[in-house]
Amino acid sequence: MMQKPRITWLASPHHDQRPGGVEDIDTIVLHHTASGGTAQDTARYFANPKSKVSAHYLIGKDGAIVQCVQDARRAWHAGQSAFRGRANVNDFSIG
């Protein structure tokens, strides 16, 4: 049986309450970062109070997975956005 990969927790302060709750998550947003750093480096940037950005998960080029925001919370990854006629993509997505 295949095991789930190990996930490291590095919290970001940049999240808030979802307006609809976890049951309304129906979208995954994939972002690409052009930095040469690791997933842990990006997570440390997300932890910086000045960055004002976050994502739920980061996956490094080496396969490392870092979680920065609980799924039940709204991460700040999509900014002012819309998808298929719905505004505020952060409200209903995992980033």
PDB file of N, CA and C in Angstrom:
ATOM      1  N   MET A   1       0.835  -1.180   0.000  1.00  0.00           N
ATOM      2  CA  MET A   1       0.000   0.000   0.000  1.00  0.00           C
ATOM      3  C   MET A   1       0.885   1.251   0.000  1.00  0.00           C
ATOM      4  N   MET A   2       0.542   2.193  -0.859  1.00  0.00           N
ATOM      5  CA  MET A   2       1.315   3.428  -0.959  1.00  0.00           C
ATOM      6  C   MET A   2       1.061   4.314   0.257  1.00  0.00           C
ATOM      7  N   GLN A   3       2.138   4.875   0.794  1.00  0.00           N
ATOM      8  CA  GLN A   3       2.005   5.770   1.933  1.00  0.00           C
ATOM      9  C   GLN A   3       1.920   7.216   1.461  1.00  0.00           C
ATOM     10  N   LYS A   4       1.226   8.034   2.264  1.00  0.00           N
ATOM     11  CA  LYS A   4       1.162   9.460   1.972  1.00  0.00           C
ATOM     12  C   LYS A   4       2.540  10.066   2.208  1.00  0.00           C
ATOM     13  N   PRO A   5       2.908  11.057   1.412  1.00  0.00           N
ATOM     14  CA  PRO A   5       4.201  11.712   1.640  1.00  0.00           C
ATOM     15  C   PRO A   5       4.194  12.497   2.951  1.00  0.00           C
ATOM     16  N   ARG A   6       5.365  12.683   3.498  1.00  0.00           N
ATOM     17  CA  ARG A   6       5.508  13.465   4.725  1.00  0.00           C
ATOM     18  C   ARG A   6       5.263  14.940   4.406  1.00  0.00           C
ATOM     19  N   ILE A   7       4.513  15.603   5.277  1.00  0.00           N
ATOM     20  CA  ILE A   7       4.227  17.033   5.109  1.00  0.00           C
ATOM     21  C   ILE A   7       4.807  17.782   6.296  1.00  0.00           C
ATOM     22  N   THR A   8       5.638  18.775   6.013  1.00  0.00           N
ATOM     23  CA  THR A   8       6.215  19.633   7.045  1.00  0.00           C
ATOM     24  C   THR A   8       5.303  20.829   7.249  1.00  0.00           C
ATOM     25  N   TRP A   9       5.095  21.231   8.485  1.00  0.00           N
ATOM     26  CA  TRP A   9       4.257  22.382   8.819  1.00  0.00           C
ATOM     27  C   TRP A   9       5.141  23.588   9.094  1.00  0.00           C
ATOM     28  N   LEU A  10       4.973  24.666   8.323  1.00  0.00           N
ATOM     29  CA  LEU A  10       5.624  25.958   8.553  1.00  0.00           C
ATOM     30  C   LEU A  10       4.539  27.018   8.387  1.00  0.00           C
ATOM     31  N   ALA A  11       3.988  27.476   9.490  1.00  0.00           N
ATOM     32  CA  ALA A  11       2.796  28.330   9.479  1.00  0.00           C
ATOM     33  C   ALA A  11       3.042  29.711   8.891  1.00  0.00           C
ATOM     34  N   SER A  12       2.047  30.189   8.165  1.00  0.00           N
ATOM     35  CA  SER A  12       1.993  31.569   7.693  1.00  0.00           C
ATOM     36  C   SER A  12       0.895  32.286   8.473  1.00  0.00           C
ATOM     37  N   PRO A  13       1.113  33.534   8.863  1.00  0.00           N
ATOM     38  CA  PRO A  13       0.056  34.292   9.541  1.00  0.00           C
ATOM     39  C   PRO A  13      -0.975  34.870   8.576  1.00  0.00           C
ATOM     40  N   HIS A  14      -0.757  34.682   7.273  1.00  0.00           N
ATOM     41  CA  HIS A  14      -1.590  35.325   6.260  1.00  0.00           C
ATOM     42  C   HIS A  14      -2.726  34.412   5.817  1.00  0.00           C
ATOM     43  N   HIS A  15      -3.772  34.400   6.618  1.00  0.00           N
ATOM     44  CA  HIS A  15      -4.975  33.615   6.335  1.00  0.00           C
ATOM     45  C   HIS A  15      -6.104  34.184   7.176  1.00  0.00           C
ATOM     46  N   ASP A  16      -7.312  33.816   6.829  1.00  0.00           N
ATOM     47  CA  ASP A  16      -8.469  34.233   7.613  1.00  0.00           C
ATOM     48  C   ASP A  16      -9.587  33.222   7.419  1.00  0.00           C
ATOM     49  N   GLN A  17     -10.737  33.534   7.956  1.00  0.00           N
ATOM     50  CA  GLN A  17     -11.868  32.606   7.899  1.00  0.00           C
ATOM     51  C   GLN A  17     -12.469  32.558   6.501  1.00  0.00           C
ATOM     52  N   ARG A  18     -12.820  31.365   6.059  1.00  0.00           N
ATOM     53  CA  ARG A  18     -13.532  31.222   4.792  1.00  0.00           C
ATOM     54  C   ARG A  18     -14.982  31.647   5.011  1.00  0.00           C
ATOM     55  N   PRO A  19     -15.583  32.365   4.076  1.00  0.00           N
ATOM     56  CA  PRO A  19     -16.970  32.777   4.259  1.00  0.00           C
ATOM     57  C   PRO A  19     -17.964  31.623   4.204  1.00  0.00           C
ATOM     58  N   GLY A  20     -17.647  30.561   3.452  1.00  0.00           N
ATOM     59  CA  GLY A  20     -18.596  29.461   3.304  1.00  0.00           C
ATOM     60  C   GLY A  20     -18.219  28.219   4.065  1.00  0.00           C
ATOM     61  N   GLY A  21     -16.977  28.109   4.499  1.00  0.00           N
ATOM     62  CA  GLY A  21     -16.524  26.930   5.200  1.00  0.00           C
ATOM     63  C   GLY A  21     -15.852  25.930   4.273  1.00  0.00           C
ATOM     64  N   VAL A  22     -15.305  24.890   4.860  1.00  0.00           N
ATOM     65  CA  VAL A  22     -14.545  23.882   4.127  1.00  0.00           C
ATOM     66  C   VAL A  22     -15.392  23.177   3.081  1.00  0.00           C
ATOM     67  N   GLU A  23     -16.662  22.996   3.364  1.00  0.00           N
ATOM     68  CA  GLU A  23     -17.520  22.269   2.423  1.00  0.00           C
ATOM     69  C   GLU A  23     -17.647  22.983   1.080  1.00  0.00           C
ATOM     70  N   ASP A  24     -17.266  24.248   0.998  1.00  0.00           N
ATOM     71  CA  ASP A  24     -17.366  25.002  -0.247  1.00  0.00           C
ATOM     72  C   ASP A  24     -16.085  24.955  -1.091  1.00  0.00           C
ATOM     73  N   ILE A  25     -15.048  24.248  -0.642  1.00  0.00           N
ATOM     74  CA  ILE A  25     -13.811  24.137  -1.418  1.00  0.00           C
ATOM     75  C   ILE A  25     -14.067  23.218  -2.607  1.00  0.00           C
ATOM     76  N   ASP A  26     -13.890  23.745  -3.814  1.00  0.00           N
ATOM     77  CA  ASP A  26     -14.086  22.918  -5.005  1.00  0.00           C
ATOM     78  C   ASP A  26     -13.070  23.212  -6.102  1.00  0.00           C
ATOM     79  N   THR A  27     -12.010  23.952  -5.750  1.00  0.00           N
ATOM     80  CA  THR A  27     -11.033  24.377  -6.749  1.00  0.00           C
ATOM     81  C   THR A  27      -9.630  24.278  -6.164  1.00  0.00           C
ATOM     82  N   ILE A  28      -8.692  23.854  -6.987  1.00  0.00           N
ATOM     83  CA  ILE A  28      -7.275  23.865  -6.614  1.00  0.00           C
ATOM     84  C   ILE A  28      -6.577  24.833  -7.557  1.00  0.00           C
ATOM     85  N   VAL A  29      -5.834  25.765  -6.996  1.00  0.00           N
ATOM     86  CA  VAL A  29      -5.070  26.732  -7.787  1.00  0.00           C
ATOM     87  C   VAL A  29      -3.601  26.363  -7.668  1.00  0.00           C
ATOM     88  N   LEU A  30      -2.960  26.115  -8.808  1.00  0.00           N
ATOM     89  CA  LEU A  30      -1.536  25.806  -8.838  1.00  0.00           C
ATOM     90  C   LEU A  30      -0.774  27.042  -9.272  1.00  0.00           C
ATOM     91  N   HIS A  31       0.238  27.392  -8.505  1.00  0.00           N
ATOM     92  CA  HIS A  31       1.093  28.534  -8.822  1.00  0.00           C
ATOM     93  C   HIS A  31       2.502  28.010  -9.073  1.00  0.00           C
ATOM     94  N   HIS A  32       3.256  28.731  -9.824  1.00  0.00           N
ATOM     95  CA  HIS A  32       4.664  28.407 -10.042  1.00  0.00           C
ATOM     96  C   HIS A  32       5.487  29.571  -9.522  1.00  0.00           C
ATOM     97  N   THR A  33       6.486  29.263  -8.692  1.00  0.00           N
ATOM     98  CA  THR A  33       7.397  30.314  -8.246  1.00  0.00           C
ATOM     99  C   THR A  33       8.701  30.164  -9.020  1.00  0.00           C
ATOM    100  N   ALA A  34       9.229  31.253  -9.483  1.00  0.00           N
ATOM    101  CA  ALA A  34      10.438  31.235 -10.304  1.00  0.00           C
ATOM    102  C   ALA A  34      11.706  31.317  -9.465  1.00  0.00           C
ATOM    103  N   SER A  35      11.562  31.331  -8.156  1.00  0.00           N
ATOM    104  CA  SER A  35      12.748  31.423  -7.303  1.00  0.00           C
ATOM    105  C   SER A  35      13.545  30.126  -7.379  1.00  0.00           C
ATOM    106  N   GLY A  36      14.803  30.198  -7.073  1.00  0.00           N
ATOM    107  CA  GLY A  36      15.656  29.021  -7.083  1.00  0.00           C
ATOM    108  C   GLY A  36      15.678  28.316  -5.748  1.00  0.00           C
ATOM    109  N   GLY A  37      14.869  28.800  -4.802  1.00  0.00           N
ATOM    110  CA  GLY A  37      14.895  28.247  -3.456  1.00  0.00           C
ATOM    111  C   GLY A  37      14.058  26.993  -3.300  1.00  0.00           C
ATOM    112  N   THR A  38      14.008  26.521  -2.071  1.00  0.00           N
ATOM    113  CA  THR A  38      13.255  25.326  -1.721  1.00  0.00           C
ATOM    114  C   THR A  38      11.836  25.686  -1.288  1.00  0.00           C
ATOM    115  N   ALA A  39      11.010  24.690  -1.111  1.00  0.00           N
ATOM    116  CA  ALA A  39       9.659  24.913  -0.583  1.00  0.00           C
ATOM    117  C   ALA A  39       9.753  25.543   0.812  1.00  0.00           C
ATOM    118  N   GLN A  40      10.738  25.126   1.591  1.00  0.00           N
ATOM    119  CA  GLN A  40      10.921  25.698   2.926  1.00  0.00           C
ATOM    120  C   GLN A  40      11.296  27.180   2.848  1.00  0.00           C
ATOM    121  N   ASP A  41      12.108  27.558   1.849  1.00  0.00           N
ATOM    122  CA  ASP A  41      12.460  28.972   1.664  1.00  0.00           C
ATOM    123  C   ASP A  41      11.212  29.801   1.367  1.00  0.00           C
ATOM    124  N   THR A  42      10.352  29.290   0.494  1.00  0.00           N
ATOM    125  CA  THR A  42       9.122  30.005   0.157  1.00  0.00           C
ATOM    126  C   THR A  42       8.214  30.089   1.375  1.00  0.00           C
ATOM    127  N   ALA A  43       8.133  29.028   2.158  1.00  0.00           N
ATOM    128  CA  ALA A  43       7.315  29.040   3.377  1.00  0.00           C
ATOM    129  C   ALA A  43       7.823  30.090   4.354  1.00  0.00           C
ATOM    130  N   ARG A  44       9.132  30.227   4.466  1.00  0.00           N
ATOM    131  CA  ARG A  44       9.679  31.259   5.359  1.00  0.00           C
ATOM    132  C   ARG A  44       9.312  32.654   4.858  1.00  0.00           C
ATOM    133  N   TYR A  45       9.280  32.842   3.544  1.00  0.00           N
ATOM    134  CA  TYR A  45       8.829  34.125   2.984  1.00  0.00           C
ATOM    135  C   TYR A  45       7.367  34.357   3.343  1.00  0.00           C
ATOM    136  N   PHE A  46       6.529  33.329   3.208  1.00  0.00           N
ATOM    137  CA  PHE A  46       5.114  33.449   3.574  1.00  0.00           C
ATOM    138  C   PHE A  46       4.951  33.803   5.049  1.00  0.00           C
ATOM    139  N   ALA A  47       5.870  33.367   5.902  1.00  0.00           N
ATOM    140  CA  ALA A  47       5.790  33.636   7.341  1.00  0.00           C
ATOM    141  C   ALA A  47       6.155  35.083   7.676  1.00  0.00           C
ATOM    142  N   ASN A  48       6.794  35.788   6.760  1.00  0.00           N
ATOM    143  CA  ASN A  48       7.196  37.175   6.985  1.00  0.00           C
ATOM    144  C   ASN A  48       5.944  38.056   7.053  1.00  0.00           C
ATOM    145  N   PRO A  49       5.744  38.793   8.143  1.00  0.00           N
ATOM    146  CA  PRO A  49       4.555  39.645   8.271  1.00  0.00           C
ATOM    147  C   PRO A  49       4.404  40.662   7.132  1.00  0.00           C
ATOM    148  N   LYS A  50       5.496  41.042   6.493  1.00  0.00           N
ATOM    149  CA  LYS A  50       5.428  42.022   5.405  1.00  0.00           C
ATOM    150  C   LYS A  50       4.981  41.412   4.077  1.00  0.00           C
ATOM    151  N   SER A  51       5.048  40.097   3.922  1.00  0.00           N
ATOM    152  CA  SER A  51       4.753  39.492   2.622  1.00  0.00           C
ATOM    153  C   SER A  51       3.273  39.553   2.255  1.00  0.00           C
ATOM    154  N   LYS A  52       2.385  39.393   3.238  1.00  0.00           N
ATOM    155  CA  LYS A  52       0.925  39.445   3.009  1.00  0.00           C
ATOM    156  C   LYS A  52       0.465  38.436   1.954  1.00  0.00           C
ATOM    157  N   VAL A  53       1.140  37.294   1.867  1.00  0.00           N
ATOM    158  CA  VAL A  53       0.787  36.254   0.902  1.00  0.00           C
ATOM    159  C   VAL A  53       0.996  34.894   1.551  1.00  0.00           C
ATOM    160  N   SER A  54       0.240  33.921   1.089  1.00  0.00           N
ATOM    161  CA  SER A  54       0.397  32.561   1.600  1.00  0.00           C
ATOM    162  C   SER A  54      -0.214  31.582   0.607  1.00  0.00           C
ATOM    163  N   ALA A  55      -0.052  30.320   0.898  1.00  0.00           N
ATOM    164  CA  ALA A  55      -0.715  29.245   0.170  1.00  0.00           C
ATOM    165  C   ALA A  55      -0.908  28.116   1.167  1.00  0.00           C
ATOM    166  N   HIS A  56      -1.793  27.227   0.864  1.00  0.00           N
ATOM    167  CA  HIS A  56      -2.007  26.095   1.759  1.00  0.00           C
ATOM    168  C   HIS A  56      -0.814  25.149   1.731  1.00  0.00           C
ATOM    169  N   TYR A  57      -0.339  24.831   0.511  1.00  0.00           N
ATOM    170  CA  TYR A  57       0.743  23.861   0.338  1.00  0.00           C
ATOM    171  C   TYR A  57       1.791  24.374  -0.631  1.00  0.00           C
ATOM    172  N   LEU A  58       3.018  23.942  -0.409  1.00  0.00           N
ATOM    173  CA  LEU A  58       4.125  24.182  -1.326  1.00  0.00           C
ATOM    174  C   LEU A  58       4.738  22.828  -1.645  1.00  0.00           C
ATOM    175  N   ILE A  59       5.092  22.610  -2.885  1.00  0.00           N
ATOM    176  CA  ILE A  59       5.767  21.374  -3.278  1.00  0.00           C
ATOM    177  C   ILE A  59       7.076  21.772  -3.944  1.00  0.00           C
ATOM    178  N   GLY A  60       8.161  21.353  -3.339  1.00  0.00           N
ATOM    179  CA  GLY A  60       9.481  21.705  -3.850  1.00  0.00           C
ATOM    180  C   GLY A  60       9.906  20.847  -5.021  1.00  0.00           C
ATOM    181  N   LYS A  61      10.923  21.297  -5.731  1.00  0.00           N
ATOM    182  CA  LYS A  61      11.465  20.534  -6.861  1.00  0.00           C
ATOM    183  C   LYS A  61      11.985  19.172  -6.412  1.00  0.00           C
ATOM    184  N   ASP A  62      12.346  19.078  -5.129  1.00  0.00           N
ATOM    185  CA  ASP A  62      12.842  17.815  -4.584  1.00  0.00           C
ATOM    186  C   ASP A  62      11.711  16.918  -4.075  1.00  0.00           C
ATOM    187  N   GLY A  63      10.460  17.372  -4.230  1.00  0.00           N
ATOM    188  CA  GLY A  63       9.310  16.592  -3.781  1.00  0.00           C
ATOM    189  C   GLY A  63       8.864  16.894  -2.363  1.00  0.00           C
ATOM    190  N   ALA A  64       9.611  17.727  -1.652  1.00  0.00           N
ATOM    191  CA  ALA A  64       9.231  18.091  -0.283  1.00  0.00           C
ATOM    192  C   ALA A  64       7.895  18.840  -0.294  1.00  0.00           C
ATOM    193  N   ILE A  65       7.031  18.528   0.668  1.00  0.00           N
ATOM    194  CA  ILE A  65       5.737  19.194   0.791  1.00  0.00           C
ATOM    195  C   ILE A  65       5.698  19.962   2.099  1.00  0.00           C
ATOM    196  N   VAL A  66       5.333  21.233   2.015  1.00  0.00           N
ATOM    197  CA  VAL A  66       5.216  22.092   3.186  1.00  0.00           C
ATOM    198  C   VAL A  66       3.803  22.646   3.213  1.00  0.00           C
ATOM    199  N   GLN A  67       3.151  22.553   4.362  1.00  0.00           N
ATOM    200  CA  GLN A  67       1.825  23.155   4.529  1.00  0.00           C
ATOM    201  C   GLN A  67       1.973  24.410   5.371  1.00  0.00           C
ATOM    202  N   CYS A  68       1.352  25.511   4.905  1.00  0.00           N
ATOM    203  CA  CYS A  68       1.463  26.807   5.580  1.00  0.00           C
ATOM    204  C   CYS A  68       0.140  27.280   6.174  1.00  0.00           C
ATOM    205  N   VAL A  69      -0.985  26.792   5.656  1.00  0.00           N
ATOM    206  CA  VAL A  69      -2.312  27.216   6.104  1.00  0.00           C
ATOM    207  C   VAL A  69      -3.201  25.970   6.170  1.00  0.00           C
ATOM    208  N   GLN A  70      -3.975  25.847   7.224  1.00  0.00           N
ATOM    209  CA  GLN A  70      -4.924  24.737   7.337  1.00  0.00           C
ATOM    210  C   GLN A  70      -5.951  24.827   6.210  1.00  0.00           C
ATOM    211  N   ASP A  71      -6.400  23.685   5.725  1.00  0.00           N
ATOM    212  CA  ASP A  71      -7.375  23.664   4.635  1.00  0.00           C
ATOM    213  C   ASP A  71      -8.643  24.443   4.973  1.00  0.00           C
ATOM    214  N   ALA A  72      -9.047  24.417   6.226  1.00  0.00           N
ATOM    215  CA  ALA A  72     -10.287  25.079   6.645  1.00  0.00           C
ATOM    216  C   ALA A  72     -10.191  26.604   6.602  1.00  0.00           C
ATOM    217  N   ARG A  73      -8.986  27.133   6.522  1.00  0.00           N
ATOM    218  CA  ARG A  73      -8.781  28.578   6.496  1.00  0.00           C
ATOM    219  C   ARG A  73      -8.581  29.052   5.054  1.00  0.00           C
ATOM    220  N   ARG A  74      -8.798  30.323   4.823  1.00  0.00           N
ATOM    221  CA  ARG A  74      -8.610  30.925   3.503  1.00  0.00           C
ATOM    222  C   ARG A  74      -7.188  31.489   3.414  1.00  0.00           C
ATOM    223  N   ALA A  75      -6.367  30.890   2.549  1.00  0.00           N
ATOM    224  CA  ALA A  75      -5.015  31.403   2.300  1.00  0.00           C
ATOM    225  C   ALA A  75      -5.106  32.587   1.343  1.00  0.00           C
ATOM    226  N   TRP A  76      -4.081  33.402   1.344  1.00  0.00           N
ATOM    227  CA  TRP A  76      -4.054  34.611   0.517  1.00  0.00           C
ATOM    228  C   TRP A  76      -3.130  34.383  -0.681  1.00  0.00           C
ATOM    229  N   HIS A  77      -3.590  33.623  -1.659  1.00  0.00           N
ATOM    230  CA  HIS A  77      -2.744  33.254  -2.789  1.00  0.00           C
ATOM    231  C   HIS A  77      -3.274  33.755  -4.131  1.00  0.00           C
ATOM    232  N   ALA A  78      -4.557  33.970  -4.275  1.00  0.00           N
ATOM    233  CA  ALA A  78      -5.125  34.309  -5.585  1.00  0.00           C
ATOM    234  C   ALA A  78      -5.402  35.802  -5.772  1.00  0.00           C
ATOM    235  N   GLY A  79      -5.240  36.602  -4.732  1.00  0.00           N
ATOM    236  CA  GLY A  79      -5.457  38.040  -4.858  1.00  0.00           C
ATOM    237  C   GLY A  79      -6.865  38.373  -5.325  1.00  0.00           C
ATOM    238  N   GLN A  80      -7.012  39.526  -5.983  1.00  0.00           N
ATOM    239  CA  GLN A  80      -8.304  39.879  -6.574  1.00  0.00           C
ATOM    240  C   GLN A  80      -8.473  39.001  -7.792  1.00  0.00           C
ATOM    241  N   SER A  81      -9.466  38.134  -7.766  1.00  0.00           N
ATOM    242  CA  SER A  81      -9.540  37.114  -8.800  1.00  0.00           C
ATOM    243  C   SER A  81     -10.967  36.666  -9.055  1.00  0.00           C
ATOM    244  N   ALA A  82     -11.138  35.983 -10.190  1.00  0.00           N
ATOM    245  CA  ALA A  82     -12.421  35.376 -10.530  1.00  0.00           C
ATOM    246  C   ALA A  82     -12.144  34.123 -11.354  1.00  0.00           C
ATOM    247  N   PHE A  83     -13.027  33.138 -11.220  1.00  0.00           N
ATOM    248  CA  PHE A  83     -12.911  31.902 -11.979  1.00  0.00           C
ATOM    249  C   PHE A  83     -14.305  31.404 -12.290  1.00  0.00           C
ATOM    250  N   ARG A  84     -14.581  31.226 -13.578  1.00  0.00           N
ATOM    251  CA  ARG A  84     -15.890  30.761 -14.044  1.00  0.00           C
ATOM    252  C   ARG A  84     -17.038  31.590 -13.461  1.00  0.00           C
ATOM    253  N   GLY A  85     -16.834  32.898 -13.479  1.00  0.00           N
ATOM    254  CA  GLY A  85     -17.876  33.819 -13.044  1.00  0.00           C
ATOM    255  C   GLY A  85     -17.982  34.011 -11.542  1.00  0.00           C
ATOM    256  N   ARG A  86     -17.107  33.381 -10.785  1.00  0.00           N
ATOM    257  CA  ARG A  86     -17.132  33.519  -9.322  1.00  0.00           C
ATOM    258  C   ARG A  86     -15.952  34.365  -8.870  1.00  0.00           C
ATOM    259  N   ALA A  87     -16.223  35.409  -8.110  1.00  0.00           N
ATOM    260  CA  ALA A  87     -15.172  36.300  -7.610  1.00  0.00           C
ATOM    261  C   ALA A  87     -14.538  35.722  -6.349  1.00  0.00           C
ATOM    262  N   ASN A  88     -13.392  36.261  -5.998  1.00  0.00           N
ATOM    263  CA  ASN A  88     -12.696  35.923  -4.751  1.00  0.00           C
ATOM    264  C   ASN A  88     -12.343  34.431  -4.673  1.00  0.00           C
ATOM    265  N   VAL A  89     -11.455  34.012  -5.560  1.00  0.00           N
ATOM    266  CA  VAL A  89     -11.082  32.611  -5.675  1.00  0.00           C
ATOM    267  C   VAL A  89     -10.542  32.042  -4.364  1.00  0.00           C
ATOM    268  N   ASN A  90      -9.903  32.860  -3.548  1.00  0.00           N
ATOM    269  CA  ASN A  90      -9.405  32.366  -2.249  1.00  0.00           C
ATOM    270  C   ASN A  90     -10.517  31.769  -1.409  1.00  0.00           C
ATOM    271  N   ASP A  91     -11.737  32.266  -1.575  1.00  0.00           N
ATOM    272  CA  ASP A  91     -12.863  31.798  -0.762  1.00  0.00           C
ATOM    273  C   ASP A  91     -13.177  30.315  -0.944  1.00  0.00           C
ATOM    274  N   PHE A  92     -12.963  29.782  -2.158  1.00  0.00           N
ATOM    275  CA  PHE A  92     -13.403  28.420  -2.450  1.00  0.00           C
ATOM    276  C   PHE A  92     -12.298  27.529  -2.988  1.00  0.00           C
ATOM    277  N   SER A  93     -11.043  27.899  -2.732  1.00  0.00           N
ATOM    278  CA  SER A  93      -9.933  27.126  -3.300  1.00  0.00           C
ATOM    279  C   SER A  93      -8.888  26.753  -2.267  1.00  0.00           C
ATOM    280  N   ILE A  94      -8.093  25.785  -2.673  1.00  0.00           N
ATOM    281  CA  ILE A  94      -6.839  25.425  -1.993  1.00  0.00           C
ATOM    282  C   ILE A  94      -5.743  25.884  -2.929  1.00  0.00           C
ATOM    283  N   GLY A  95      -4.750  26.537  -2.371  1.00  0.00           N
ATOM    284  CA  GLY A  95      -3.651  27.045  -3.190  1.00  0.00           C
ATOM    285  C   GLY A  95      -2.363  26.343  -2.871  1.00  0.00           C
TER     286      GLY A  95
END
